Full PDB file with SEQRES, HELIX, SHEET, SSBOND, CRYST1, ORIGX, SCALE, CONECT and MASTER records, all heavy atoms in Angstrom:
SEQRES   1 A   31  ALA ALA GLY LEU LEU ASP GLY ARG ARG ALA THR THR HIS          
SEQRES   2 A   31  TRP ASN TRP CYS GLY GLU LEU ALA ASP LYS TYR PRO ARG          
SEQRES   3 A   31  VAL LYS VAL ASP PRO                                          
HELIX    1 AA1 TRP A   14  TRP A   16  5                                   3    
HELIX    2 AA2 CYS A   17  LYS A   23  1                                   7    
SHEET    1 AA1 2 ARG A   9  ALA A  10  0                                        
SHEET    2 AA1 2 LYS A  28  VAL A  29  1                                        
CRYST1    1.000    1.000    1.000  90.00  90.00  90.00 P 1           1          
ORIGX1      1.000000  0.000000  0.000000        0.00000                         
ORIGX2      0.000000  1.000000  0.000000        0.00000                         
ORIGX3      0.000000  0.000000  1.000000        0.00000                         
SCALE1      1.000000  0.000000  0.000000        0.00000                         
SCALE2      0.000000  1.000000  0.000000        0.00000                         
SCALE3      0.000000  0.000000  1.000000        0.00000                         
ATOM      1  N   ALA A   1       3.408   2.246   7.399  1.00  0.00           N  
ATOM      2  CA  ALA A   1       3.097   2.702   8.757  1.00  0.00           C  
ATOM      3  C   ALA A   1       3.967   3.896   9.146  1.00  0.00           C  
ATOM      4  O   ALA A   1       3.548   4.737   9.949  1.00  0.00           O  
ATOM      5  CB  ALA A   1       3.295   1.556   9.746  1.00  0.00           C  
ATOM      6  N   ALA A   2       5.163   3.975   8.574  1.00  0.00           N  
ATOM      7  CA  ALA A   2       6.056   5.099   8.846  1.00  0.00           C  
ATOM      8  C   ALA A   2       5.766   6.292   7.944  1.00  0.00           C  
ATOM      9  O   ALA A   2       6.437   7.322   8.044  1.00  0.00           O  
ATOM     10  CB  ALA A   2       7.509   4.663   8.676  1.00  0.00           C  
ATOM     11  N   GLY A   3       4.760   6.159   7.062  1.00  0.00           N  
ATOM     12  CA  GLY A   3       4.384   7.254   6.171  1.00  0.00           C  
ATOM     13  C   GLY A   3       5.285   7.403   4.962  1.00  0.00           C  
ATOM     14  O   GLY A   3       5.188   8.392   4.226  1.00  0.00           O  
ATOM     15  N   LEU A   4       6.130   6.417   4.694  1.00  0.00           N  
ATOM     16  CA  LEU A   4       7.127   6.548   3.639  1.00  0.00           C  
ATOM     17  C   LEU A   4       6.607   6.180   2.260  1.00  0.00           C  
ATOM     18  O   LEU A   4       7.291   6.426   1.260  1.00  0.00           O  
ATOM     19  CB  LEU A   4       8.349   5.692   3.978  1.00  0.00           C  
ATOM     20  CG  LEU A   4       9.029   6.043   5.305  1.00  0.00           C  
ATOM     21  CD1 LEU A   4      10.177   5.106   5.591  1.00  0.00           C  
ATOM     22  CD2 LEU A   4       9.509   7.494   5.274  1.00  0.00           C  
ATOM     23  N   LEU A   5       5.410   5.600   2.201  1.00  0.00           N  
ATOM     24  CA  LEU A   5       4.844   5.230   0.902  1.00  0.00           C  
ATOM     25  C   LEU A   5       3.696   6.139   0.482  1.00  0.00           C  
ATOM     26  O   LEU A   5       3.080   5.918  -0.558  1.00  0.00           O  
ATOM     27  CB  LEU A   5       4.352   3.764   0.931  1.00  0.00           C  
ATOM     28  CG  LEU A   5       5.417   2.700   1.207  1.00  0.00           C  
ATOM     29  CD1 LEU A   5       4.797   1.307   1.125  1.00  0.00           C  
ATOM     30  CD2 LEU A   5       6.593   2.820   0.240  1.00  0.00           C  
ATOM     31  N   ASP A   6       3.401   7.151   1.270  1.00  0.00           N  
ATOM     32  CA  ASP A   6       2.310   8.068   0.926  1.00  0.00           C  
ATOM     33  C   ASP A   6       2.550   8.701  -0.443  1.00  0.00           C  
ATOM     34  O   ASP A   6       3.622   9.257  -0.701  1.00  0.00           O  
ATOM     35  CB  ASP A   6       2.181   9.167   1.975  1.00  0.00           C  
ATOM     36  CG  ASP A   6       1.608   8.660   3.283  1.00  0.00           C  
ATOM     37  OD1 ASP A   6       1.221   7.483   3.337  1.00  0.00           O  
ATOM     38  OD2 ASP A   6       1.549   9.448   4.246  1.00  0.00           O  
ATOM     39  N   GLY A   7       1.553   8.590  -1.309  1.00  0.00           N  
ATOM     40  CA  GLY A   7       1.656   9.175  -2.638  1.00  0.00           C  
ATOM     41  C   GLY A   7       2.517   8.400  -3.600  1.00  0.00           C  
ATOM     42  O   GLY A   7       2.714   8.823  -4.734  1.00  0.00           O  
ATOM     43  N   ARG A   8       3.026   7.267  -3.168  1.00  0.00           N  
ATOM     44  CA  ARG A   8       3.915   6.467  -4.016  1.00  0.00           C  
ATOM     45  C   ARG A   8       3.227   5.194  -4.502  1.00  0.00           C  
ATOM     46  O   ARG A   8       2.322   4.677  -3.855  1.00  0.00           O  
ATOM     47  CB  ARG A   8       5.192   6.078  -3.262  1.00  0.00           C  
ATOM     48  CG  ARG A   8       6.089   7.246  -2.912  1.00  0.00           C  
ATOM     49  CD  ARG A   8       7.349   6.754  -2.229  1.00  0.00           C  
ATOM     50  NE  ARG A   8       8.226   7.848  -1.832  1.00  0.00           N  
ATOM     51  CZ  ARG A   8       9.194   8.332  -2.593  1.00  0.00           C  
ATOM     52  NH1 ARG A   8       9.415   7.825  -3.794  1.00  0.00           N  
ATOM     53  NH2 ARG A   8       9.957   9.322  -2.157  1.00  0.00           N  
ATOM     54  N   ARG A   9       3.675   4.705  -5.626  1.00  0.00           N  
ATOM     55  CA  ARG A   9       3.242   3.397  -6.125  1.00  0.00           C  
ATOM     56  C   ARG A   9       4.054   2.336  -5.396  1.00  0.00           C  
ATOM     57  O   ARG A   9       5.267   2.472  -5.218  1.00  0.00           O  
ATOM     58  CB  ARG A   9       3.484   3.319  -7.630  1.00  0.00           C  
ATOM     59  CG  ARG A   9       3.095   2.005  -8.290  1.00  0.00           C  
ATOM     60  CD  ARG A   9       3.099   2.131  -9.813  1.00  0.00           C  
ATOM     61  NE  ARG A   9       3.036   0.837 -10.466  1.00  0.00           N  
ATOM     62  CZ  ARG A   9       4.068   0.228 -11.023  1.00  0.00           C  
ATOM     63  NH1 ARG A   9       5.274   0.811 -11.009  1.00  0.00           N  
ATOM     64  NH2 ARG A   9       3.940  -0.956 -11.591  1.00  0.00           N  
ATOM     65  N   ALA A  10       3.384   1.272  -4.949  1.00  0.00           N  
ATOM     66  CA  ALA A  10       4.065   0.238  -4.166  1.00  0.00           C  
ATOM     67  C   ALA A  10       3.355  -1.089  -4.337  1.00  0.00           C  
ATOM     68  O   ALA A  10       2.203  -1.158  -4.769  1.00  0.00           O  
ATOM     69  CB  ALA A  10       4.098   0.624  -2.683  1.00  0.00           C  
ATOM     70  N   THR A  11       4.056  -2.159  -3.973  1.00  0.00           N  
ATOM     71  CA  THR A  11       3.454  -3.487  -3.987  1.00  0.00           C  
ATOM     72  C   THR A  11       3.883  -4.246  -2.749  1.00  0.00           C  
ATOM     73  O   THR A  11       4.744  -3.798  -1.987  1.00  0.00           O  
ATOM     74  CB  THR A  11       3.853  -4.262  -5.264  1.00  0.00           C  
ATOM     75  OG1 THR A  11       3.016  -5.413  -5.415  1.00  0.00           O  
ATOM     76  CG2 THR A  11       5.317  -4.715  -5.211  1.00  0.00           C  
ATOM     77  N   THR A  12       3.265  -5.386  -2.539  1.00  0.00           N  
ATOM     78  CA  THR A  12       3.648  -6.303  -1.467  1.00  0.00           C  
ATOM     79  C   THR A  12       3.127  -7.677  -1.858  1.00  0.00           C  
ATOM     80  O   THR A  12       2.627  -7.872  -2.971  1.00  0.00           O  
ATOM     81  CB  THR A  12       3.096  -5.836  -0.102  1.00  0.00           C  
ATOM     82  OG1 THR A  12       3.649  -6.671   0.938  1.00  0.00           O  
ATOM     83  CG2 THR A  12       1.586  -5.903  -0.038  1.00  0.00           C  
ATOM     84  N   HIS A  13       3.251  -8.644  -0.977  1.00  0.00           N  
ATOM     85  CA  HIS A  13       2.715  -9.980  -1.240  1.00  0.00           C  
ATOM     86  C   HIS A  13       1.238  -9.865  -1.610  1.00  0.00           C  
ATOM     87  O   HIS A  13       0.490  -9.118  -0.977  1.00  0.00           O  
ATOM     88  CB  HIS A  13       2.882 -10.840   0.016  1.00  0.00           C  
ATOM     89  CG  HIS A  13       2.571 -12.290  -0.175  1.00  0.00           C  
ATOM     90  ND1 HIS A  13       1.300 -12.746  -0.421  1.00  0.00           N  
ATOM     91  CD2 HIS A  13       3.374 -13.384  -0.160  1.00  0.00           C  
ATOM     92  CE1 HIS A  13       1.320 -14.060  -0.533  1.00  0.00           C  
ATOM     93  NE2 HIS A  13       2.577 -14.473  -0.382  1.00  0.00           N  
ATOM     94  N   TRP A  14       0.826 -10.598  -2.644  1.00  0.00           N  
ATOM     95  CA  TRP A  14      -0.551 -10.464  -3.147  1.00  0.00           C  
ATOM     96  C   TRP A  14      -1.590 -10.652  -2.049  1.00  0.00           C  
ATOM     97  O   TRP A  14      -2.655 -10.030  -2.078  1.00  0.00           O  
ATOM     98  CB  TRP A  14      -0.791 -11.467  -4.278  1.00  0.00           C  
ATOM     99  CG  TRP A  14      -0.666 -12.919  -3.881  1.00  0.00           C  
ATOM    100  CD1 TRP A  14       0.438 -13.713  -3.984  1.00  0.00           C  
ATOM    101  CD2 TRP A  14      -1.691 -13.754  -3.313  1.00  0.00           C  
ATOM    102  NE1 TRP A  14       0.179 -14.968  -3.508  1.00  0.00           N  
ATOM    103  CE2 TRP A  14      -1.123 -15.029  -3.091  1.00  0.00           C  
ATOM    104  CE3 TRP A  14      -3.024 -13.535  -2.970  1.00  0.00           C  
ATOM    105  CZ2 TRP A  14      -1.851 -16.088  -2.540  1.00  0.00           C  
ATOM    106  CZ3 TRP A  14      -3.748 -14.594  -2.422  1.00  0.00           C  
ATOM    107  CH2 TRP A  14      -3.153 -15.848  -2.208  1.00  0.00           C  
ATOM    108  N   ASN A  15      -1.286 -11.488  -1.044  1.00  0.00           N  
ATOM    109  CA  ASN A  15      -2.273 -11.772  -0.013  1.00  0.00           C  
ATOM    110  C   ASN A  15      -2.511 -10.576   0.914  1.00  0.00           C  
ATOM    111  O   ASN A  15      -3.514 -10.531   1.624  1.00  0.00           O  
ATOM    112  CB  ASN A  15      -1.817 -12.979   0.818  1.00  0.00           C  
ATOM    113  CG  ASN A  15      -2.938 -13.556   1.648  1.00  0.00           C  
ATOM    114  OD1 ASN A  15      -4.061 -13.724   1.171  1.00  0.00           O  
ATOM    115  ND2 ASN A  15      -2.649 -13.858   2.905  1.00  0.00           N  
ATOM    116  N   TRP A  16      -1.580  -9.613   0.903  1.00  0.00           N  
ATOM    117  CA  TRP A  16      -1.703  -8.459   1.792  1.00  0.00           C  
ATOM    118  C   TRP A  16      -1.829  -7.134   1.039  1.00  0.00           C  
ATOM    119  O   TRP A  16      -1.793  -6.075   1.662  1.00  0.00           O  
ATOM    120  CB  TRP A  16      -0.517  -8.408   2.756  1.00  0.00           C  
ATOM    121  CG  TRP A  16      -0.651  -9.418   3.849  1.00  0.00           C  
ATOM    122  CD1 TRP A  16      -1.410  -9.336   4.988  1.00  0.00           C  
ATOM    123  CD2 TRP A  16      -0.033 -10.705   3.899  1.00  0.00           C  
ATOM    124  NE1 TRP A  16      -1.290 -10.473   5.743  1.00  0.00           N  
ATOM    125  CE2 TRP A  16      -0.454 -11.350   5.092  1.00  0.00           C  
ATOM    126  CE3 TRP A  16       0.833 -11.395   3.056  1.00  0.00           C  
ATOM    127  CZ2 TRP A  16      -0.023 -12.616   5.450  1.00  0.00           C  
ATOM    128  CZ3 TRP A  16       1.253 -12.666   3.407  1.00  0.00           C  
ATOM    129  CH2 TRP A  16       0.821 -13.261   4.597  1.00  0.00           C  
ATOM    130  N   CYS A  17      -1.970  -7.198  -0.286  1.00  0.00           N  
ATOM    131  CA  CYS A  17      -2.154  -5.950  -1.043  1.00  0.00           C  
ATOM    132  C   CYS A  17      -3.448  -5.241  -0.618  1.00  0.00           C  
ATOM    133  O   CYS A  17      -3.486  -4.011  -0.516  1.00  0.00           O  
ATOM    134  CB  CYS A  17      -2.182  -6.237  -2.547  1.00  0.00           C  
ATOM    135  SG  CYS A  17      -0.539  -6.448  -3.271  1.00  0.00           S  
ATOM    136  N   GLY A  18      -4.512  -6.020  -0.387  1.00  0.00           N  
ATOM    137  CA  GLY A  18      -5.770  -5.427   0.052  1.00  0.00           C  
ATOM    138  C   GLY A  18      -5.629  -4.746   1.395  1.00  0.00           C  
ATOM    139  O   GLY A  18      -6.160  -3.638   1.610  1.00  0.00           O  
ATOM    140  N   GLU A  19      -4.913  -5.376   2.314  1.00  0.00           N  
ATOM    141  CA  GLU A  19      -4.691  -4.780   3.631  1.00  0.00           C  
ATOM    142  C   GLU A  19      -3.873  -3.501   3.522  1.00  0.00           C  
ATOM    143  O   GLU A  19      -4.168  -2.496   4.187  1.00  0.00           O  
ATOM    144  CB  GLU A  19      -3.974  -5.780   4.538  1.00  0.00           C  
ATOM    145  CG  GLU A  19      -3.716  -5.253   5.944  1.00  0.00           C  
ATOM    146  CD  GLU A  19      -3.095  -6.293   6.862  1.00  0.00           C  
ATOM    147  OE1 GLU A  19      -3.222  -7.500   6.573  1.00  0.00           O  
ATOM    148  OE2 GLU A  19      -2.495  -5.878   7.860  1.00  0.00           O  
ATOM    149  N   LEU A  20      -2.865  -3.516   2.659  1.00  0.00           N  
ATOM    150  CA  LEU A  20      -2.049  -2.325   2.464  1.00  0.00           C  
ATOM    151  C   LEU A  20      -2.893  -1.174   1.921  1.00  0.00           C  
ATOM    152  O   LEU A  20      -2.791  -0.038   2.389  1.00  0.00           O  
ATOM    153  CB  LEU A  20      -0.901  -2.640   1.501  1.00  0.00           C  
ATOM    154  CG  LEU A  20       0.052  -1.496   1.148  1.00  0.00           C  
ATOM    155  CD1 LEU A  20       0.722  -0.927   2.394  1.00  0.00           C  
ATOM    156  CD2 LEU A  20       1.102  -1.962   0.142  1.00  0.00           C  
ATOM    157  N   ALA A  21      -3.758  -1.481   0.960  1.00  0.00           N  
ATOM    158  CA  ALA A  21      -4.609  -0.438   0.370  1.00  0.00           C  
ATOM    159  C   ALA A  21      -5.649   0.071   1.356  1.00  0.00           C  
ATOM    160  O   ALA A  21      -5.937   1.276   1.409  1.00  0.00           O  
ATOM    161  CB  ALA A  21      -5.289  -0.989  -0.885  1.00  0.00           C  
ATOM    162  N   ASP A  22      -6.227  -0.830   2.153  1.00  0.00           N  
ATOM    163  CA  ASP A  22      -7.278  -0.436   3.100  1.00  0.00           C  
ATOM    164  C   ASP A  22      -6.721   0.404   4.246  1.00  0.00           C  
ATOM    165  O   ASP A  22      -7.328   1.408   4.651  1.00  0.00           O  
ATOM    166  CB  ASP A  22      -7.974  -1.684   3.655  1.00  0.00           C  
ATOM    167  CG  ASP A  22      -8.812  -2.397   2.610  1.00  0.00           C  
ATOM    168  OD1 ASP A  22      -9.127  -1.772   1.581  1.00  0.00           O  
ATOM    169  OD2 ASP A  22      -9.129  -3.589   2.813  1.00  0.00           O  
ATOM    170  N   LYS A  23      -5.598  -0.017   4.801  1.00  0.00           N  
ATOM    171  CA  LYS A  23      -5.043   0.669   5.964  1.00  0.00           C  
ATOM    172  C   LYS A  23      -4.333   1.969   5.595  1.00  0.00           C  
ATOM    173  O   LYS A  23      -4.273   2.902   6.399  1.00  0.00           O  
ATOM    174  CB  LYS A  23      -4.067  -0.253   6.703  1.00  0.00           C  
ATOM    175  CG  LYS A  23      -4.719  -1.444   7.390  1.00  0.00           C  
ATOM    176  CD  LYS A  23      -3.736  -2.175   8.274  1.00  0.00           C  
ATOM    177  CE  LYS A  23      -3.342  -1.351   9.485  1.00  0.00           C  
ATOM    178  NZ  LYS A  23      -2.519  -2.116  10.444  1.00  0.00           N  
ATOM    179  N   TYR A  24      -3.802   2.001   4.371  1.00  0.00           N  
ATOM    180  CA  TYR A  24      -3.024   3.171   3.970  1.00  0.00           C  
ATOM    181  C   TYR A  24      -3.516   3.658   2.605  1.00  0.00           C  
ATOM    182  O   TYR A  24      -2.868   3.412   1.572  1.00  0.00           O  
ATOM    183  CB  TYR A  24      -1.531   2.817   3.932  1.00  0.00           C  
ATOM    184  CG  TYR A  24      -1.048   2.217   5.234  1.00  0.00           C  
ATOM    185  CD1 TYR A  24      -0.855   0.844   5.370  1.00  0.00           C  
ATOM    186  CD2 TYR A  24      -0.817   3.026   6.348  1.00  0.00           C  
ATOM    187  CE1 TYR A  24      -0.436   0.288   6.569  1.00  0.00           C  
ATOM    188  CE2 TYR A  24      -0.390   2.483   7.552  1.00  0.00           C  
ATOM    189  CZ  TYR A  24      -0.212   1.116   7.653  1.00  0.00           C  
ATOM    190  OH  TYR A  24       0.201   0.572   8.850  1.00  0.00           O  
ATOM    191  N   PRO A  25      -4.663   4.335   2.579  1.00  0.00           N  
ATOM    192  CA  PRO A  25      -5.280   4.736   1.306  1.00  0.00           C  
ATOM    193  C   PRO A  25      -4.451   5.709   0.486  1.00  0.00           C  
ATOM    194  O   PRO A  25      -4.724   5.891  -0.711  1.00  0.00           O  
ATOM    195  CB  PRO A  25      -6.606   5.370   1.743  1.00  0.00           C  
ATOM    196  CG  PRO A  25      -6.412   5.747   3.181  1.00  0.00           C  
ATOM    197  CD  PRO A  25      -5.484   4.725   3.741  1.00  0.00           C  
ATOM    198  N   ARG A  26      -3.457   6.338   1.073  1.00  0.00           N  
ATOM    199  CA  ARG A  26      -2.625   7.275   0.315  1.00  0.00           C  
ATOM    200  C   ARG A  26      -1.549   6.552  -0.491  1.00  0.00           C  
ATOM    201  O   ARG A  26      -0.849   7.160  -1.299  1.00  0.00           O  
ATOM    202  CB  ARG A  26      -1.977   8.292   1.259  1.00  0.00           C  
ATOM    203  CG  ARG A  26      -2.978   9.201   1.979  1.00  0.00           C  
ATOM    204  CD  ARG A  26      -2.286  10.260   2.802  1.00  0.00           C  
ATOM    205  NE  ARG A  26      -1.512  11.175   1.963  1.00  0.00           N  
ATOM    206  CZ  ARG A  26      -0.721  12.130   2.441  1.00  0.00           C  
ATOM    207  NH1 ARG A  26      -0.591  12.294   3.756  1.00  0.00           N  
ATOM    208  NH2 ARG A  26      -0.048  12.913   1.616  1.00  0.00           N  
ATOM    209  N   VAL A  27      -1.412   5.249  -0.277  1.00  0.00           N  
ATOM    210  CA  VAL A  27      -0.449   4.454  -1.038  1.00  0.00           C  
ATOM    211  C   VAL A  27      -1.106   3.966  -2.323  1.00  0.00           C  
ATOM    212  O   VAL A  27      -2.232   3.467  -2.303  1.00  0.00           O  
ATOM    213  CB  VAL A  27       0.054   3.253  -0.215  1.00  0.00           C  
ATOM    214  CG1 VAL A  27       1.068   2.440  -1.021  1.00  0.00           C  
ATOM    215  CG2 VAL A  27       0.669   3.728   1.096  1.00  0.00           C  
ATOM    216  N   LYS A  28      -0.429   4.092  -3.440  1.00  0.00           N  
ATOM    217  CA  LYS A  28      -0.934   3.617  -4.731  1.00  0.00           C  
ATOM    218  C   LYS A  28      -0.521   2.157  -4.901  1.00  0.00           C  
ATOM    219  O   LYS A  28       0.524   1.845  -5.461  1.00  0.00           O  
ATOM    220  CB  LYS A  28      -0.371   4.472  -5.863  1.00  0.00           C  
ATOM    221  CG  LYS A  28      -0.708   5.956  -5.736  1.00  0.00           C  
ATOM    222  CD  LYS A  28       0.019   6.777  -6.799  1.00  0.00           C  
ATOM    223  CE  LYS A  28      -0.232   8.257  -6.620  1.00  0.00           C  
ATOM    224  NZ  LYS A  28       0.529   9.084  -7.605  1.00  0.00           N  
ATOM    225  N   VAL A  29      -1.354   1.261  -4.393  1.00  0.00           N  
ATOM    226  CA  VAL A  29      -1.008  -0.159  -4.349  1.00  0.00           C  
ATOM    227  C   VAL A  29      -1.210  -0.798  -5.717  1.00  0.00           C  
ATOM    228  O   VAL A  29      -2.286  -0.703  -6.311  1.00  0.00           O  
ATOM    229  CB  VAL A  29      -1.850  -0.894  -3.293  1.00  0.00           C  
ATOM    230  CG1 VAL A  29      -1.474  -2.378  -3.258  1.00  0.00           C  
ATOM    231  CG2 VAL A  29      -1.651  -0.257  -1.923  1.00  0.00           C  
ATOM    232  N   ASP A  30      -0.175  -1.451  -6.211  1.00  0.00           N  
ATOM    233  CA  ASP A  30      -0.236  -2.199  -7.465  1.00  0.00           C  
ATOM    234  C   ASP A  30       0.015  -3.663  -7.131  1.00  0.00           C  
ATOM    235  O   ASP A  30       1.143  -4.037  -6.794  1.00  0.00           O  
ATOM    236  CB  ASP A  30       0.815  -1.681  -8.449  1.00  0.00           C  
ATOM    237  CG  ASP A  30       0.676  -2.303  -9.834  1.00  0.00           C  
ATOM    238  OD1 ASP A  30      -0.017  -3.331  -9.955  1.00  0.00           O  
ATOM    239  OD2 ASP A  30       1.255  -1.759 -10.784  1.00  0.00           O  
ATOM    240  N   PRO A  31      -1.001  -4.525  -7.196  1.00  0.00           N  
ATOM    241  CA  PRO A  31      -0.835  -5.921  -6.782  1.00  0.00           C  
ATOM    242  C   PRO A  31      -0.151  -6.788  -7.821  1.00  0.00           C  
ATOM    243  O   PRO A  31       0.100  -7.963  -7.579  1.00  0.00           O  
ATOM    244  CB  PRO A  31      -2.283  -6.380  -6.566  1.00  0.00           C  
ATOM    245  CG  PRO A  31      -3.067  -5.568  -7.552  1.00  0.00           C  
ATOM    246  CD  PRO A  31      -2.390  -4.218  -7.575  1.00  0.00           C  
TER     247      PRO A  31                                                      
MASTER        0    0    0    2    2    0    0    6  246    1    0    3          
END                                                                             
């Protein structure tokens, strides 16, 4: 939300990886 993951590979709890990818498409989400 602070724009700090834009263009970066990142992960989070598996249950919220989809939300992270949907809300912040510039983040390279790896579940």
